[in-house]
Amino acid sequence: MGVLSALHRKKDGRETPTETPPYCPSEDALSGDKDEEFGQQQPIRTGWTGDAHAGANEYPSQENYRTLGRWRACVILITIEVGIGVLSLPSALKTLGLIPGIIAIFGFGGLTTYCGYIMVQFYRRYPMVTNLVDCALYIGGKKFEYFLGVAFIFNLVLICASANITMSIALNTLSGHALCTVAFMAFPHIACWLLCLPRKLTFAAAMSWICTISIVAAVLIVMIALGVAGPKSPPGFDVHITLVGKPTFVETVNALLNIAFAFAGNQSFMSVMAEMRAPEKEFPPALFMQKSFEIVVYVVVACVIYGLAGDAVTSPALGSAPIIPAKIAYGILIPSVLGTGLLIGITAIKYMYIAVMRQFKPDQVNVHNAFTWSLWVGIGTLFWVVTFVVSNAIPIFSSILNISSAIFISWFTFGLTSLFWLHLNWKVQFSTPRKKALACVNYAILGLTLFLNVGGLYTSLKALIDIFNDPDSTLNGPFTCADNSIF
């Protein structure tokens, strides 16, 4: 992922822009020329060799990481984004109502498509970046980069924690709560720790296909079971669909956060661009194909499961089916959960590993010796121990999704890209009617981000406390042995 080229940056200070915005707009930009609509002109001079792209084969003896075209990139984007987040969408429709829920899915889909396109514009201006944390250097300096790096790691911790909570639900469901839930939390963490020991991404790339097939198969089993046998419900239950719901403020925000989580893959888009042969030309088609496919899948899955289960729908949605099909679905889901833990976990571990190696031994990142292996294993162990603690501190699937969306995903998916646009267009943001409209859109995105950030955190914590205080809830606190299965 452009690791070698990133490591050849100066140890004590990569080049940073000396002014904001980082260029003097041309006459074409001021007149609203489409090629410079987002502020890009000629690529900036970075002092790099080769083609100035991160990951390019700047050193002939090193491996060239730029191998992806639009089709492979599209498949990777689908694999990254279509995951366990889809399991919360039917419940979101139940809360919001069918019509507002569909509108929200299309809305977030369109918003993340636009935000993904802004990333392309930012990448054209700064082709040396390899991830969102690198981008922070150019819009806020080193301190902002360090801050965002820490936030990035905690964001990945919460995503891995949500995957392993899903695994504990699956194990409790399949075994009939044979062990304490804390033990069932430990099993997937140990498995993911072992899976993350190899330092190469080859195995992780293979697991990505298994992950996608697993989640799709599990969802299809639930949809077919609901169509044939109906939902798991008490006798005399009639399926009722609410077209327009009347949720409380807390319920509304939490439902929106669940939908936002399903579109959280945007934060990985820069890393995909860094491994494409011609990202400036090839990434936009891959992005539009991926988003079109994703939105259709999300709407179909959410509508079919909610339409067949009605108010009996659960979160995760697999619990809406009768007992036997639900158990089969959870069994098939296990590879997907482990794959999610592997892909996200190794991303976090590799980022921290490179950050440390960049400071101490930048020339030994690909060397296999006692120091590099001890560092890799130590970082991996620390990451999965922290994830285990977080999983048990917030042992509820919907709550950890909401908290993750409120604190981090709202910024990594929406907020940062609006800052990218403003950074590129600061002096020309009101120069033409088109730019004025785009400026308003990006300020609105910032407002939405702050709303989800502040309001979402409040509603998420309130919902979590209410669950802990509910006498009918089996999960009444952190590090509980209580059964969290769907039956």
Protein backbone atom coordinates (compact mmCIF):
# COMPACT_ATOMS: atom_id res chain seq x y z
CA MET A 1 0.00 0.00 0.00
CA GLY A 2 2.76 2.41 -0.83
CA VAL A 3 4.57 1.53 2.39
CA LEU A 4 8.07 1.72 0.97
CA SER A 5 7.58 5.09 -0.61
CA ALA A 6 6.00 6.45 2.54
CA LEU A 7 8.97 5.31 4.58
CA HIS A 8 11.38 7.25 2.40
CA ARG A 9 9.91 10.49 3.63
CA LYS A 10 12.10 12.55 5.89
CA LYS A 11 12.09 11.21 9.40
CA ASP A 12 11.67 14.48 11.23
CA GLY A 13 9.43 16.38 8.92
CA ARG A 14 7.60 15.64 5.73
CA GLU A 15 6.94 18.59 3.51
CA THR A 16 3.92 20.55 4.58
CA PRO A 17 2.07 23.31 2.81
CA THR A 18 3.23 26.78 3.72
CA GLU A 19 -0.09 28.46 3.12
CA THR A 20 -3.78 27.71 2.98
CA PRO A 21 -4.98 27.02 0.39
CA PRO A 22 -1.79 25.47 -1.02
CA TYR A 23 -1.85 27.28 -4.36
CA CYS A 24 -2.76 30.50 -6.06
CA PRO A 25 -5.94 29.88 -8.05
CA SER A 26 -5.65 30.29 -11.78
CA GLU A 27 -7.98 32.38 -13.89
CA ASP A 28 -9.71 29.17 -14.98
CA ALA A 29 -10.35 28.24 -11.37
CA LEU A 30 -11.74 31.67 -10.61
CA SER A 31 -14.04 31.42 -13.60
CA GLY A 32 -15.35 28.04 -12.50
CA ASP A 33 -13.60 25.83 -15.03
CA LYS A 34 -14.72 22.25 -14.46
CA ASP A 35 -11.19 20.86 -14.46
CA GLU A 36 -10.40 23.04 -11.47
CA GLU A 37 -13.80 23.01 -9.82
CA PHE A 38 -12.35 21.41 -6.74
CA GLY A 39 -9.18 23.46 -6.73
CA GLN A 40 -6.67 21.22 -8.44
CA GLN A 41 -4.10 22.57 -10.87
CA GLN A 42 -0.76 20.98 -11.67
CA PRO A 43 0.48 18.47 -9.08
CA ILE A 44 2.56 20.12 -6.38
CA ARG A 45 6.31 19.56 -6.23
CA THR A 46 7.15 17.23 -3.41
CA GLY A 47 10.78 16.44 -4.02
CA TRP A 48 9.89 12.81 -4.64
CA THR A 49 11.40 10.75 -7.45
CA GLY A 50 9.53 8.61 -9.92
CA ASP A 51 6.01 9.69 -10.76
CA ALA A 52 5.49 11.35 -7.36
CA HIS A 53 2.74 8.91 -6.43
CA ALA A 54 2.77 7.03 -3.17
CA GLY A 55 3.35 3.41 -3.93
CA ALA A 56 4.88 3.99 -7.32
CA ASN A 57 7.98 2.06 -8.23
CA GLU A 58 10.33 4.89 -7.29
CA TYR A 59 13.14 2.48 -6.42
CA PRO A 60 13.71 -0.14 -9.14
CA SER A 61 14.75 -2.80 -6.63
CA GLN A 62 11.47 -2.54 -4.77
CA GLU A 63 8.12 -4.05 -5.61
CA ASN A 64 5.60 -1.93 -7.50
CA TYR A 65 2.35 -1.75 -5.54
CA ARG A 66 0.37 0.04 -8.24
CA THR A 67 -1.44 -2.89 -9.86
CA LEU A 68 -5.17 -2.18 -9.54
CA GLY A 69 -7.50 -1.22 -12.37
CA ARG A 70 -11.08 -0.02 -12.04
CA TRP A 71 -12.69 -3.48 -11.91
CA ARG A 72 -10.46 -4.97 -9.23
CA ALA A 73 -10.71 -1.72 -7.30
CA CYS A 74 -14.51 -1.90 -7.51
CA VAL A 75 -14.51 -5.44 -6.12
CA ILE A 76 -12.23 -4.38 -3.27
CA LEU A 77 -14.48 -1.41 -2.46
CA ILE A 78 -17.52 -3.69 -2.34
CA THR A 79 -15.65 -6.11 -0.08
CA ILE A 80 -14.61 -3.29 2.24
CA GLU A 81 -18.05 -1.75 2.61
CA VAL A 82 -20.68 -4.50 2.31
CA GLY A 83 -20.27 -6.18 5.69
CA ILE A 84 -21.85 -6.47 9.12
CA GLY A 85 -23.27 -2.95 8.85
CA VAL A 86 -26.04 -4.29 6.61
CA LEU A 87 -27.37 -6.34 9.54
CA SER A 88 -28.59 -3.18 11.31
CA LEU A 89 -30.50 -1.66 8.36
CA PRO A 90 -33.84 -3.55 8.72
CA SER A 91 -34.02 -2.40 12.35
CA ALA A 92 -33.38 1.17 11.22
CA LEU A 93 -36.36 0.91 8.84
CA LYS A 94 -38.48 -0.38 11.70
CA THR A 95 -37.59 2.71 13.74
CA LEU A 96 -37.86 5.36 11.04
CA GLY A 97 -40.58 3.78 8.95
CA LEU A 98 -40.24 2.25 5.50
CA ILE A 99 -40.32 5.47 3.45
CA PRO A 100 -38.03 7.64 5.63
CA GLY A 101 -35.68 4.67 6.03
CA ILE A 102 -35.33 4.18 2.27
CA ILE A 103 -34.80 7.93 1.82
CA ALA A 104 -32.09 7.86 4.51
CA ILE A 105 -30.27 4.95 2.82
CA PHE A 106 -30.35 6.73 -0.54
CA GLY A 107 -29.33 9.98 1.15
CA PHE A 108 -26.31 8.53 2.91
CA GLY A 109 -25.42 6.62 -0.25
CA GLY A 110 -25.46 9.79 -2.35
CA LEU A 111 -23.58 11.72 0.32
CA THR A 112 -20.79 9.15 0.60
CA THR A 113 -20.53 9.02 -3.20
CA TYR A 114 -19.95 12.78 -3.29
CA CYS A 115 -17.49 12.55 -0.40
CA GLY A 116 -15.62 9.79 -2.22
CA TYR A 117 -15.35 12.01 -5.29
CA ILE A 118 -13.89 14.83 -3.18
CA MET A 119 -11.20 12.36 -2.11
CA VAL A 120 -10.29 11.91 -5.77
CA GLN A 121 -9.88 15.68 -6.14
CA PHE A 122 -7.72 15.84 -3.03
CA TYR A 123 -5.64 12.91 -4.28
CA ARG A 124 -5.04 14.68 -7.59
CA ARG A 125 -3.63 17.60 -5.65
CA TYR A 126 -1.60 15.47 -3.19
CA PRO A 127 -0.77 12.19 -4.97
CA MET A 128 1.69 11.17 -2.25
CA VAL A 129 -0.96 10.37 0.38
CA THR A 130 -1.72 6.73 1.22
CA ASN A 131 -4.53 7.08 3.78
CA LEU A 132 -6.73 9.64 5.52
CA VAL A 133 -4.17 10.21 8.25
CA ASP A 134 -1.62 11.30 5.65
CA CYS A 135 -4.18 13.80 4.35
CA ALA A 136 -4.39 15.40 7.78
CA LEU A 137 -0.80 16.61 7.44
CA TYR A 138 -1.73 18.83 4.50
CA ILE A 139 -4.82 20.41 6.01
CA GLY A 140 -3.76 20.79 9.64
CA GLY A 141 -0.06 20.06 10.07
CA LYS A 142 1.74 17.43 12.11
CA LYS A 143 -0.27 17.87 15.32
CA PHE A 144 -3.51 17.27 13.45
CA GLU A 145 -1.93 14.26 11.74
CA TYR A 146 -0.95 12.74 15.10
CA PHE A 147 -4.39 13.45 16.55
CA LEU A 148 -6.15 11.89 13.58
CA GLY A 149 -3.83 8.89 13.71
CA VAL A 150 -4.89 8.14 17.28
CA ALA A 151 -8.55 8.62 16.34
CA PHE A 152 -8.08 6.31 13.36
CA ILE A 153 -6.78 3.52 15.58
CA PHE A 154 -9.62 3.86 18.09
CA ASN A 155 -12.09 3.86 15.22
CA LEU A 156 -10.70 0.54 13.99
CA VAL A 157 -10.82 -0.80 17.56
CA LEU A 158 -14.56 -0.10 17.72
CA ILE A 159 -15.19 -1.70 14.32
CA CYS A 160 -13.31 -4.85 15.36
CA ALA A 161 -15.17 -4.84 18.67
CA SER A 162 -18.53 -4.74 16.85
CA ALA A 163 -17.46 -7.72 14.72
CA ASN A 164 -16.47 -9.76 17.76
CA ILE A 165 -19.68 -8.88 19.60
CA THR A 166 -21.47 -10.33 16.58
CA MET A 167 -19.30 -13.44 16.93
CA SER A 168 -20.21 -13.79 20.62
CA ILE A 169 -23.91 -13.57 19.68
CA ALA A 170 -23.37 -16.28 17.07
CA LEU A 171 -21.52 -18.58 19.49
CA ASN A 172 -24.11 -18.09 22.22
CA THR A 173 -26.89 -18.76 19.72
CA LEU A 174 -25.29 -21.89 18.27
CA SER A 175 -24.27 -23.37 21.63
CA GLY A 176 -27.30 -22.44 23.70
CA HIS A 177 -25.16 -20.21 25.96
CA ALA A 178 -22.79 -23.00 26.89
CA LEU A 179 -20.18 -20.61 28.31
CA CYS A 180 -19.93 -17.18 29.88
CA THR A 181 -20.28 -14.45 27.25
CA VAL A 182 -16.88 -13.04 28.26
CA ALA A 183 -15.35 -16.36 27.19
CA PHE A 184 -17.23 -16.23 23.90
CA MET A 185 -15.83 -12.72 23.46
CA ALA A 186 -12.31 -14.06 24.06
CA PHE A 187 -12.44 -16.79 21.38
CA PRO A 188 -12.79 -14.49 18.32
CA HIS A 189 -10.19 -12.09 19.72
CA ILE A 190 -7.66 -14.91 20.08
CA ALA A 191 -8.52 -16.18 16.59
CA CYS A 192 -8.15 -12.71 15.06
CA TRP A 193 -4.86 -12.19 16.91
CA LEU A 194 -3.51 -15.40 15.37
CA LEU A 195 -4.82 -14.46 11.91
CA CYS A 196 -3.07 -11.08 12.12
CA LEU A 197 0.35 -12.56 12.91
CA PRO A 198 1.43 -12.88 9.23
CA ARG A 199 2.77 -9.53 8.04
CA LYS A 200 1.80 -9.97 4.39
CA LEU A 201 -1.65 -9.01 3.11
CA THR A 202 -1.97 -11.99 0.74
CA PHE A 203 -4.02 -14.07 3.17
CA ALA A 204 -6.11 -11.05 4.16
CA ALA A 205 -6.91 -10.38 0.50
CA ALA A 206 -8.11 -13.97 0.04
CA MET A 207 -10.24 -13.71 3.18
CA SER A 208 -11.97 -10.62 1.80
CA TRP A 209 -13.78 -12.75 -0.79
CA ILE A 210 -14.82 -15.26 1.86
CA CYS A 211 -16.03 -12.39 4.03
CA THR A 212 -18.29 -10.99 1.29
CA ILE A 213 -19.68 -14.38 0.23
CA SER A 214 -20.34 -15.28 3.86
CA ILE A 215 -22.38 -12.16 4.67
CA VAL A 216 -24.36 -12.38 1.41
CA ALA A 217 -25.16 -16.08 1.98
CA ALA A 218 -26.23 -15.47 5.59
CA VAL A 219 -28.55 -12.63 4.57
CA LEU A 220 -30.05 -14.69 1.72
CA ILE A 221 -30.81 -17.57 4.11
CA VAL A 222 -32.66 -15.20 6.43
CA MET A 223 -34.63 -13.62 3.58
CA ILE A 224 -35.66 -17.02 2.18
CA ALA A 225 -36.58 -18.34 5.64
CA LEU A 226 -38.72 -15.28 6.36
CA GLY A 227 -40.48 -15.67 3.02
CA VAL A 228 -41.23 -19.35 3.62
CA ALA A 229 -41.85 -19.61 7.37
CA GLY A 230 -42.31 -16.04 8.57
CA PRO A 231 -40.46 -14.34 11.43
CA LYS A 232 -39.62 -15.70 14.86
CA SER A 233 -42.59 -14.33 16.81
CA PRO A 234 -45.23 -15.26 19.41
CA PRO A 235 -48.44 -17.05 18.32
CA GLY A 236 -50.99 -14.79 16.68
CA PHE A 237 -48.39 -12.26 15.55
CA ASP A 238 -49.28 -10.33 12.41
CA VAL A 239 -46.61 -8.66 10.33
CA HIS A 240 -47.18 -4.91 10.35
CA ILE A 241 -45.18 -2.46 8.28
CA THR A 242 -45.00 1.19 9.30
CA LEU A 243 -44.65 3.49 6.31
CA VAL A 244 -43.75 6.56 8.38
CA GLY A 245 -42.64 5.96 11.94
CA LYS A 246 -42.91 8.23 14.97
CA PRO A 247 -39.60 7.65 16.73
CA THR A 248 -38.24 9.74 19.57
CA PHE A 249 -35.21 11.97 19.06
CA VAL A 250 -32.93 9.32 20.58
CA GLU A 251 -34.39 6.57 18.38
CA THR A 252 -34.14 8.71 15.24
CA VAL A 253 -30.49 9.65 15.73
CA ASN A 254 -29.50 6.09 16.63
CA ALA A 255 -31.22 4.74 13.52
CA LEU A 256 -29.37 7.29 11.37
CA LEU A 257 -26.09 6.30 13.02
CA ASN A 258 -26.76 2.65 12.17
CA ILE A 259 -27.24 3.61 8.52
CA ALA A 260 -24.11 5.78 8.58
CA PHE A 261 -22.09 2.82 9.90
CA ALA A 262 -23.11 0.76 6.87
CA PHE A 263 -21.41 3.35 4.63
CA ALA A 264 -18.22 3.61 6.70
CA GLY A 265 -15.95 2.11 4.02
CA ASN A 266 -15.07 5.56 2.65
CA GLN A 267 -12.25 5.82 5.16
CA SER A 268 -10.34 3.13 3.23
CA PHE A 269 -10.71 4.72 -0.22
CA MET A 270 -7.41 6.61 -0.11
CA SER A 271 -5.56 3.34 0.53
CA VAL A 272 -7.20 1.79 -2.53
CA MET A 273 -6.28 4.79 -4.68
CA ALA A 274 -2.66 4.45 -3.53
CA GLU A 275 -2.49 1.00 -5.17
CA MET A 276 -4.20 1.86 -8.48
CA ARG A 277 -2.31 2.31 -11.74
CA ALA A 278 -4.21 5.47 -12.71
CA PRO A 279 -6.42 6.48 -9.77
CA GLU A 280 -7.25 9.92 -11.17
CA LYS A 281 -9.04 8.28 -14.12
CA GLU A 282 -9.92 4.81 -12.86
CA PHE A 283 -11.16 5.44 -9.32
CA PRO A 284 -14.28 7.54 -10.13
CA PRO A 285 -15.85 4.78 -12.32
CA ALA A 286 -15.00 2.19 -9.66
CA LEU A 287 -16.54 4.43 -7.00
CA PHE A 288 -19.78 4.98 -8.91
CA MET A 289 -20.15 1.27 -9.74
CA GLN A 290 -19.50 0.26 -6.14
CA LYS A 291 -21.90 2.82 -4.67
CA SER A 292 -24.66 1.93 -7.14
CA PHE A 293 -24.34 -1.76 -6.28
CA GLU A 294 -24.13 -1.07 -2.56
CA ILE A 295 -27.19 1.19 -2.39
CA VAL A 296 -29.31 -1.33 -4.32
CA VAL A 297 -28.19 -4.20 -2.07
CA TYR A 298 -28.82 -2.21 1.10
CA VAL A 299 -32.30 -1.10 0.03
CA VAL A 300 -33.30 -4.60 -1.12
CA VAL A 301 -32.00 -6.34 2.02
CA ALA A 302 -33.48 -3.78 4.41
CA CYS A 303 -36.88 -3.67 2.68
CA VAL A 304 -37.24 -7.43 2.20
CA ILE A 305 -36.28 -8.36 5.76
CA TYR A 306 -38.36 -5.58 7.32
CA GLY A 307 -41.25 -6.27 4.95
CA LEU A 308 -41.29 -9.98 5.87
CA ALA A 309 -40.57 -9.61 9.60
CA GLY A 310 -42.32 -6.33 10.43
CA ASP A 311 -42.04 -5.34 14.06
CA ALA A 312 -40.39 -8.71 14.81
CA VAL A 313 -37.18 -7.58 13.10
CA THR A 314 -34.08 -7.63 15.28
CA SER A 315 -30.60 -6.14 15.26
CA PRO A 316 -28.53 -7.96 14.01
CA ALA A 317 -31.17 -8.88 11.44
CA LEU A 318 -30.28 -12.60 11.38
CA GLY A 319 -32.25 -13.07 14.60
CA SER A 320 -35.49 -12.21 12.78
CA ALA A 321 -35.66 -15.66 11.17
CA PRO A 322 -36.97 -18.84 12.84
CA ILE A 323 -34.55 -20.69 15.11
CA ILE A 324 -33.06 -23.25 12.71
CA PRO A 325 -32.48 -20.90 9.74
CA ALA A 326 -31.13 -18.24 12.10
CA LYS A 327 -28.61 -20.69 13.56
CA ILE A 328 -27.54 -21.75 10.07
CA ALA A 329 -27.16 -18.10 9.06
CA TYR A 330 -25.06 -17.33 12.13
CA GLY A 331 -22.87 -20.35 11.41
CA ILE A 332 -22.29 -19.16 7.85
CA LEU A 333 -21.61 -15.63 9.16
CA ILE A 334 -18.60 -16.72 11.25
CA PRO A 335 -16.05 -16.51 8.37
CA SER A 336 -17.33 -13.02 7.58
CA VAL A 337 -16.86 -11.86 11.17
CA LEU A 338 -13.36 -13.34 11.36
CA GLY A 339 -12.56 -11.84 7.98
CA THR A 340 -13.71 -8.42 9.15
CA GLY A 341 -11.54 -8.72 12.24
CA LEU A 342 -8.58 -9.78 10.12
CA LEU A 343 -8.91 -7.04 7.50
CA ILE A 344 -9.56 -4.20 9.95
CA GLY A 345 -7.14 -5.52 12.56
CA ILE A 346 -4.21 -5.92 10.19
CA THR A 347 -4.92 -2.42 8.83
CA ALA A 348 -4.58 -0.97 12.33
CA ILE A 349 -1.53 -3.06 13.22
CA LYS A 350 0.25 -2.23 9.96
CA TYR A 351 -0.45 1.49 10.39
CA MET A 352 1.01 1.50 13.92
CA TYR A 353 3.93 -0.69 12.85
CA ILE A 354 4.87 1.64 10.00
CA ALA A 355 4.49 4.70 12.23
CA VAL A 356 6.95 3.24 14.75
CA MET A 357 9.38 1.98 12.10
CA ARG A 358 9.33 5.35 10.37
CA GLN A 359 10.69 6.92 13.55
CA PHE A 360 13.31 4.32 14.49
CA LYS A 361 14.36 2.02 11.62
CA PRO A 362 12.71 3.15 8.38
CA ASP A 363 15.06 1.01 6.28
CA GLN A 364 14.05 -2.25 7.99
CA VAL A 365 10.28 -2.25 7.55
CA ASN A 366 10.37 -5.36 5.34
CA VAL A 367 13.24 -7.03 7.17
CA HIS A 368 12.49 -10.17 9.19
CA ASN A 369 14.50 -10.01 12.40
CA ALA A 370 13.90 -10.19 16.14
CA PHE A 371 13.17 -6.47 16.45
CA THR A 372 10.62 -6.22 13.63
CA TRP A 373 8.81 -9.41 14.60
CA SER A 374 8.74 -8.46 18.29
CA LEU A 375 7.34 -5.07 17.36
CA TRP A 376 4.69 -6.56 15.05
CA VAL A 377 3.56 -9.18 17.58
CA GLY A 378 3.63 -6.66 20.42
CA ILE A 379 1.51 -4.12 18.56
CA GLY A 380 -0.92 -6.86 17.49
CA THR A 381 -1.24 -8.14 21.04
CA LEU A 382 -1.86 -4.66 22.42
CA PHE A 383 -4.46 -3.92 19.74
CA TRP A 384 -6.49 -7.07 20.38
CA VAL A 385 -6.28 -6.73 24.18
CA VAL A 386 -7.70 -3.20 23.92
CA THR A 387 -10.39 -4.45 21.52
CA PHE A 388 -11.32 -7.23 23.97
CA VAL A 389 -11.73 -4.70 26.80
CA VAL A 390 -13.88 -2.41 24.63
CA SER A 391 -16.04 -5.33 23.44
CA ASN A 392 -16.86 -6.28 27.01
CA ALA A 393 -17.31 -2.69 28.16
CA ILE A 394 -19.94 -2.08 25.43
CA PRO A 395 -21.35 -5.59 24.82
CA ILE A 396 -24.39 -4.52 22.77
CA PHE A 397 -24.24 -4.67 18.97
CA SER A 398 -26.39 -1.64 18.13
CA SER A 399 -24.84 0.51 20.86
CA ILE A 400 -21.26 -0.05 19.77
CA LEU A 401 -22.23 0.69 16.15
CA ASN A 402 -23.86 3.95 17.24
CA ILE A 403 -20.96 5.04 19.44
CA SER A 404 -18.46 4.25 16.69
CA SER A 405 -20.52 6.19 14.14
CA ALA A 406 -20.98 9.18 16.45
CA ILE A 407 -17.39 9.60 17.58
CA PHE A 408 -15.36 8.58 14.55
CA ILE A 409 -17.21 7.41 11.46
CA SER A 410 -19.14 10.66 11.06
CA TRP A 411 -15.79 12.45 10.70
CA PHE A 412 -13.87 9.82 8.73
CA THR A 413 -16.73 9.31 6.28
CA PHE A 414 -18.24 12.80 5.90
CA GLY A 415 -16.59 15.56 7.92
CA LEU A 416 -12.99 15.23 6.78
CA THR A 417 -13.90 15.31 3.10
CA SER A 418 -15.73 18.61 3.53
CA LEU A 419 -12.54 19.96 5.13
CA PHE A 420 -10.64 18.66 2.09
CA TRP A 421 -12.91 20.62 -0.23
CA LEU A 422 -12.62 23.80 1.83
CA HIS A 423 -8.84 23.41 1.96
CA LEU A 424 -8.65 23.17 -1.82
CA ASN A 425 -11.10 26.01 -2.45
CA TRP A 426 -10.68 28.39 0.48
CA LYS A 427 -9.90 31.51 -1.56
CA VAL A 428 -12.31 30.73 -4.39
CA GLN A 429 -15.22 29.12 -2.53
CA PHE A 430 -17.55 32.06 -3.27
CA SER A 431 -16.11 33.05 -6.65
CA THR A 432 -18.89 31.60 -8.84
CA PRO A 433 -22.49 30.50 -8.30
CA ARG A 434 -21.44 26.87 -8.70
CA LYS A 435 -18.73 27.18 -6.08
CA LYS A 436 -21.11 29.00 -3.74
CA ALA A 437 -23.53 26.08 -4.03
CA LEU A 438 -20.75 23.56 -3.40
CA ALA A 439 -19.51 25.60 -0.45
CA CYS A 440 -23.00 25.52 1.06
CA VAL A 441 -23.15 21.76 0.53
CA ASN A 442 -19.83 21.23 2.29
CA TYR A 443 -20.71 23.50 5.19
CA ALA A 444 -23.96 21.53 5.50
CA ILE A 445 -21.93 18.30 5.58
CA LEU A 446 -19.85 19.78 8.41
CA GLY A 447 -23.06 20.66 10.24
CA LEU A 448 -24.39 17.11 9.79
CA THR A 449 -21.09 15.73 11.05
CA LEU A 450 -21.18 17.87 14.18
CA PHE A 451 -24.82 16.92 14.78
CA LEU A 452 -24.08 13.20 14.49
CA ASN A 453 -20.93 13.69 16.56
CA VAL A 454 -22.48 15.55 19.51
CA GLY A 455 -26.13 14.52 19.33
CA GLY A 456 -25.22 10.99 18.31
CA LEU A 457 -22.87 10.47 21.22
CA TYR A 458 -25.54 11.68 23.65
CA THR A 459 -28.26 9.45 22.22
CA SER A 460 -25.93 6.44 21.95
CA LEU A 461 -24.84 6.67 25.58
CA LYS A 462 -28.40 7.28 26.75
CA ALA A 463 -29.66 4.23 24.86
CA LEU A 464 -26.81 2.13 26.29
CA ILE A 465 -27.55 3.27 29.87
CA ASP A 466 -31.27 2.57 29.35
CA ILE A 467 -30.45 -0.99 28.26
CA PHE A 468 -28.19 -1.52 31.27
CA ASN A 469 -30.95 -0.19 33.58
CA ASP A 470 -33.75 -2.19 31.95
CA PRO A 471 -34.78 -4.99 34.36
CA ASP A 472 -35.90 -7.12 31.41
CA SER A 473 -32.53 -6.84 29.66
CA THR A 474 -30.15 -9.79 29.94
CA LEU A 475 -27.18 -7.47 29.42
CA ASN A 476 -27.12 -5.29 32.50
CA GLY A 477 -23.52 -4.09 32.50
CA PRO A 478 -19.99 -4.48 31.14
CA PHE A 479 -18.03 -7.75 31.39
CA THR A 480 -21.22 -9.72 31.89
CA CYS A 481 -21.66 -13.47 31.57
CA ALA A 482 -25.32 -12.95 30.61
CA ASP A 483 -26.68 -14.59 27.48
CA ASN A 484 -26.70 -12.23 24.49
CA SER A 485 -28.06 -14.82 22.04
CA ILE A 486 -31.05 -14.10 19.84
CA PHE A 487 -33.30 -16.70 21.52
